[in-house]
N, C-alpha and C. Protein backbone atom coordinates (compact mmCIF):
# COMPACT_ATOMS: atom_id res chain seq x y z
N MET A 1 -2.45 18.44 4.69
CA MET A 1 -3.07 17.91 3.31
C MET A 1 -2.36 16.52 3.21
N THR A 2 -3.19 15.79 3.03
CA THR A 2 -2.66 14.43 3.31
C THR A 2 -2.55 13.40 1.36
N LEU A 3 -1.22 12.72 1.33
CA LEU A 3 -1.34 12.32 -0.05
C LEU A 3 -1.18 10.68 0.36
N ASN A 4 -2.26 10.10 -0.92
CA ASN A 4 -2.65 8.96 -0.13
C ASN A 4 -2.37 7.97 -1.36
N ILE A 5 -1.71 6.85 -0.60
CA ILE A 5 -0.44 6.23 -1.34
C ILE A 5 -1.10 4.58 -1.94
N GLY A 6 -0.73 4.07 -2.84
CA GLY A 6 -1.00 2.89 -3.29
C GLY A 6 0.36 2.06 -3.48
N VAL A 7 0.29 0.53 -2.72
CA VAL A 7 1.87 0.18 -3.26
C VAL A 7 1.49 -1.00 -3.45
N ILE A 8 2.38 -0.99 -4.65
CA ILE A 8 2.46 -2.85 -5.42
C ILE A 8 3.52 -3.21 -4.74
N GLY A 9 3.20 -4.38 -4.49
CA GLY A 9 4.41 -5.57 -3.77
C GLY A 9 4.80 -5.06 -2.29
N THR A 10 4.34 -6.66 -1.59
CA THR A 10 4.17 -6.71 -0.46
C THR A 10 5.31 -7.36 0.12
N GLY A 11 6.80 -7.44 -0.29
CA GLY A 11 7.36 -8.19 -0.04
C GLY A 11 8.71 -7.13 1.51
N ALA A 12 9.76 -7.88 1.43
CA ALA A 12 10.42 -7.09 2.26
C ALA A 12 10.57 -5.75 1.92
N ILE A 13 10.94 -5.31 0.76
CA ILE A 13 11.20 -3.74 0.71
C ILE A 13 9.54 -3.18 0.66
N GLY A 14 8.64 -3.93 0.00
CA GLY A 14 7.49 -2.80 -0.05
C GLY A 14 6.82 -3.01 1.17
N ARG A 15 7.04 -3.90 2.42
CA ARG A 15 6.48 -3.37 3.61
C ARG A 15 7.67 -2.40 4.21
N ASP A 16 8.82 -2.76 4.06
CA ASP A 16 9.50 -1.31 4.56
C ASP A 16 8.97 -0.13 4.00
N HIS A 17 8.84 0.08 2.71
CA HIS A 17 8.04 1.40 2.32
C HIS A 17 6.84 1.79 2.74
N ILE A 18 6.01 0.80 3.10
CA ILE A 18 4.97 0.77 3.58
C ILE A 18 4.71 1.67 5.22
N ARG A 19 5.63 0.69 5.68
CA ARG A 19 5.87 1.33 7.38
C ARG A 19 6.48 2.49 7.11
N ARG A 20 7.26 3.08 6.62
CA ARG A 20 7.41 4.09 6.13
C ARG A 20 6.62 5.42 6.29
N CYS A 21 5.72 4.73 4.62
CA CYS A 21 5.25 5.80 4.17
C CYS A 21 4.13 6.04 5.49
N SER A 22 3.61 4.97 6.10
CA SER A 22 2.27 4.97 7.17
C SER A 22 2.60 5.49 8.34
N LYS A 23 3.63 5.22 9.15
CA LYS A 23 4.48 5.28 10.05
C LYS A 23 5.19 6.45 10.66
N VAL A 24 6.05 6.99 9.60
CA VAL A 24 7.02 7.84 9.40
C VAL A 24 7.12 9.22 8.73
N LEU A 25 6.51 8.88 7.53
CA LEU A 25 6.62 9.80 6.71
C LEU A 25 5.46 10.79 7.22
N GLN A 26 5.53 12.18 7.22
CA GLN A 26 4.21 12.98 7.84
C GLN A 26 3.91 13.45 6.51
N GLY A 27 2.25 13.50 6.65
CA GLY A 27 1.39 14.04 5.28
C GLY A 27 1.25 13.02 4.25
N ALA A 28 1.40 11.61 4.23
CA ALA A 28 1.25 10.40 4.14
C ALA A 28 0.94 9.45 4.51
N ARG A 29 -0.05 8.93 3.80
CA ARG A 29 -0.85 7.08 4.41
C ARG A 29 -0.88 6.08 3.18
N VAL A 30 -0.95 5.28 3.36
CA VAL A 30 -1.27 4.29 2.56
C VAL A 30 -2.94 3.52 2.52
N VAL A 31 -3.19 3.63 1.11
CA VAL A 31 -4.57 3.91 1.38
C VAL A 31 -5.21 2.35 0.66
N ALA A 32 -4.02 1.80 -0.22
CA ALA A 32 -4.15 0.35 -1.27
C ALA A 32 -2.84 -0.12 -1.11
N VAL A 33 -3.08 -1.67 -1.40
CA VAL A 33 -2.02 -2.41 -1.23
C VAL A 33 -2.37 -3.27 -2.57
N ASN A 34 -1.57 -4.22 -2.82
CA ASN A 34 -1.44 -5.06 -3.84
C ASN A 34 -0.07 -5.96 -4.11
N ASP A 35 -0.66 -7.36 -4.15
CA ASP A 35 0.64 -8.23 -3.96
C ASP A 35 0.45 -9.50 -5.23
N ILE A 36 1.14 -10.34 -5.83
CA ILE A 36 0.73 -11.09 -6.39
C ILE A 36 0.22 -12.34 -5.67
N ASN A 37 0.40 -12.03 -4.49
CA ASN A 37 -0.06 -13.33 -3.45
C ASN A 37 -1.63 -12.00 -2.41
N ARG A 38 -2.76 -12.44 -2.86
CA ARG A 38 -3.31 -11.61 -1.95
C ARG A 38 -3.28 -11.52 -0.30
N ASP A 39 -2.72 -12.67 -0.06
CA ASP A 39 -2.70 -13.15 1.24
C ASP A 39 -1.71 -12.74 1.74
N ASN A 40 -0.47 -12.42 0.99
CA ASN A 40 0.69 -11.28 1.44
C ASN A 40 0.42 -10.11 1.77
N ALA A 41 -0.32 -9.93 0.99
CA ALA A 41 -1.08 -8.07 0.78
C ALA A 41 -1.73 -7.99 1.95
N ALA A 42 -2.87 -8.96 2.53
CA ALA A 42 -3.47 -9.00 3.49
C ALA A 42 -2.72 -8.77 4.93
N LYS A 43 -1.82 -9.74 4.73
CA LYS A 43 -0.99 -9.76 6.21
C LYS A 43 -0.61 -8.66 6.37
N ALA A 44 0.00 -7.99 5.25
CA ALA A 44 0.84 -6.74 5.32
C ALA A 44 -0.21 -5.74 6.21
N VAL A 45 -1.25 -5.26 5.36
CA VAL A 45 -1.90 -4.71 6.24
C VAL A 45 -2.52 -4.74 7.71
N SER A 46 -2.97 -6.50 8.04
CA SER A 46 -2.89 -6.51 9.56
C SER A 46 -1.87 -6.32 10.32
N ASP A 47 -0.93 -6.84 9.79
CA ASP A 47 0.77 -6.82 10.63
C ASP A 47 0.95 -5.19 10.49
N LEU A 48 0.87 -3.95 9.86
CA LEU A 48 1.65 -3.04 9.64
C LEU A 48 -0.01 -2.07 10.55
N GLN A 49 -1.11 -2.67 10.94
CA GLN A 49 -2.34 -2.13 11.34
C GLN A 49 -2.72 -0.81 10.46
N LEU A 50 -2.81 -1.47 9.39
CA LEU A 50 -3.20 -0.22 8.51
C LEU A 50 -4.71 -0.30 7.89
N ASP A 51 -5.25 0.94 7.51
CA ASP A 51 -6.80 1.38 7.17
C ASP A 51 -6.64 1.42 5.86
N ALA A 52 -6.36 0.20 4.90
CA ALA A 52 -6.07 0.19 3.74
C ALA A 52 -6.86 -0.87 2.80
N ARG A 53 -6.97 -0.28 1.40
CA ARG A 53 -7.78 -1.97 1.03
C ARG A 53 -6.79 -2.68 -0.14
N VAL A 54 -7.27 -3.95 0.03
CA VAL A 54 -6.25 -4.73 -0.45
C VAL A 54 -7.02 -5.10 -1.67
N TYR A 55 -6.01 -4.76 -2.90
CA TYR A 55 -6.62 -5.06 -4.12
C TYR A 55 -5.96 -6.43 -5.42
N ASP A 56 -7.08 -6.85 -5.83
CA ASP A 56 -6.62 -8.09 -6.50
C ASP A 56 -5.40 -7.58 -7.83
N ASN A 57 -5.38 -6.47 -8.17
CA ASN A 57 -4.49 -6.40 -9.03
C ASN A 57 -4.01 -5.55 -9.42
N GLY A 58 -2.94 -4.95 -9.74
CA GLY A 58 -2.43 -3.67 -9.69
C GLY A 58 -3.00 -2.69 -10.53
N HIS A 59 -3.80 -2.62 -11.73
CA HIS A 59 -4.75 -1.80 -12.63
C HIS A 59 -5.63 -1.12 -11.65
N ASP A 60 -6.46 -2.19 -11.30
CA ASP A 60 -7.34 -1.63 -10.13
C ASP A 60 -6.89 -0.30 -9.47
N LEU A 61 -5.73 -1.08 -8.74
CA LEU A 61 -5.41 0.13 -7.72
C LEU A 61 -5.09 1.54 -8.25
N ILE A 62 -4.17 0.96 -8.95
CA ILE A 62 -4.11 2.51 -10.12
C ILE A 62 -4.76 3.03 -10.22
N LYS A 63 -6.34 2.83 -10.50
CA LYS A 63 -7.14 3.47 -10.89
C LYS A 63 -8.18 3.81 -9.93
N ALA A 64 -8.41 3.63 -8.87
CA ALA A 64 -8.46 3.85 -7.66
C ALA A 64 -8.65 5.26 -7.50
N ALA A 65 -9.87 6.14 -7.15
CA ALA A 65 -10.31 7.07 -6.94
C ALA A 65 -9.57 7.66 -5.84
N ASP A 66 -9.33 6.96 -4.78
CA ASP A 66 -8.97 7.63 -3.94
C ASP A 66 -6.97 7.60 -3.52
N VAL A 67 -6.48 6.86 -4.50
CA VAL A 67 -5.00 6.86 -4.85
C VAL A 67 -4.52 8.01 -5.44
N GLN A 68 -3.65 8.52 -4.52
CA GLN A 68 -2.75 9.59 -5.48
C GLN A 68 -1.62 9.29 -6.25
N ALA A 69 -0.83 8.58 -5.15
CA ALA A 69 0.35 8.14 -5.58
C ALA A 69 0.69 6.80 -5.92
N VAL A 70 1.73 6.53 -6.62
CA VAL A 70 1.85 4.59 -6.36
C VAL A 70 3.24 4.66 -6.47
N LEU A 71 3.69 3.69 -5.57
CA LEU A 71 5.10 2.86 -5.31
C LEU A 71 4.69 1.57 -5.58
N VAL A 72 5.67 0.95 -6.66
CA VAL A 72 5.79 -0.13 -7.14
C VAL A 72 7.43 -0.81 -6.49
N THR A 73 7.31 -1.82 -5.84
CA THR A 73 7.94 -1.99 -5.31
C THR A 73 8.44 -3.76 -4.96
N SER A 74 7.99 -4.41 -6.37
CA SER A 74 8.22 -5.26 -6.87
C SER A 74 9.06 -5.68 -7.83
């Protein structure tokens, strides 16, 4: 079973958590990201080669049907 994770905050700490959750941790994948600066979130998705949706706000990410757990790194 895979745990679908959403991450709020894509600064240095957020990117490190995203990388670990998507590349190191088995049984988890990052499916959603959000940052106060949408361009930063989109760049994180691109740089880390994720198949993840970028949300304009954290509330929508939290409510997303495919998100099972949320990491807040902001």
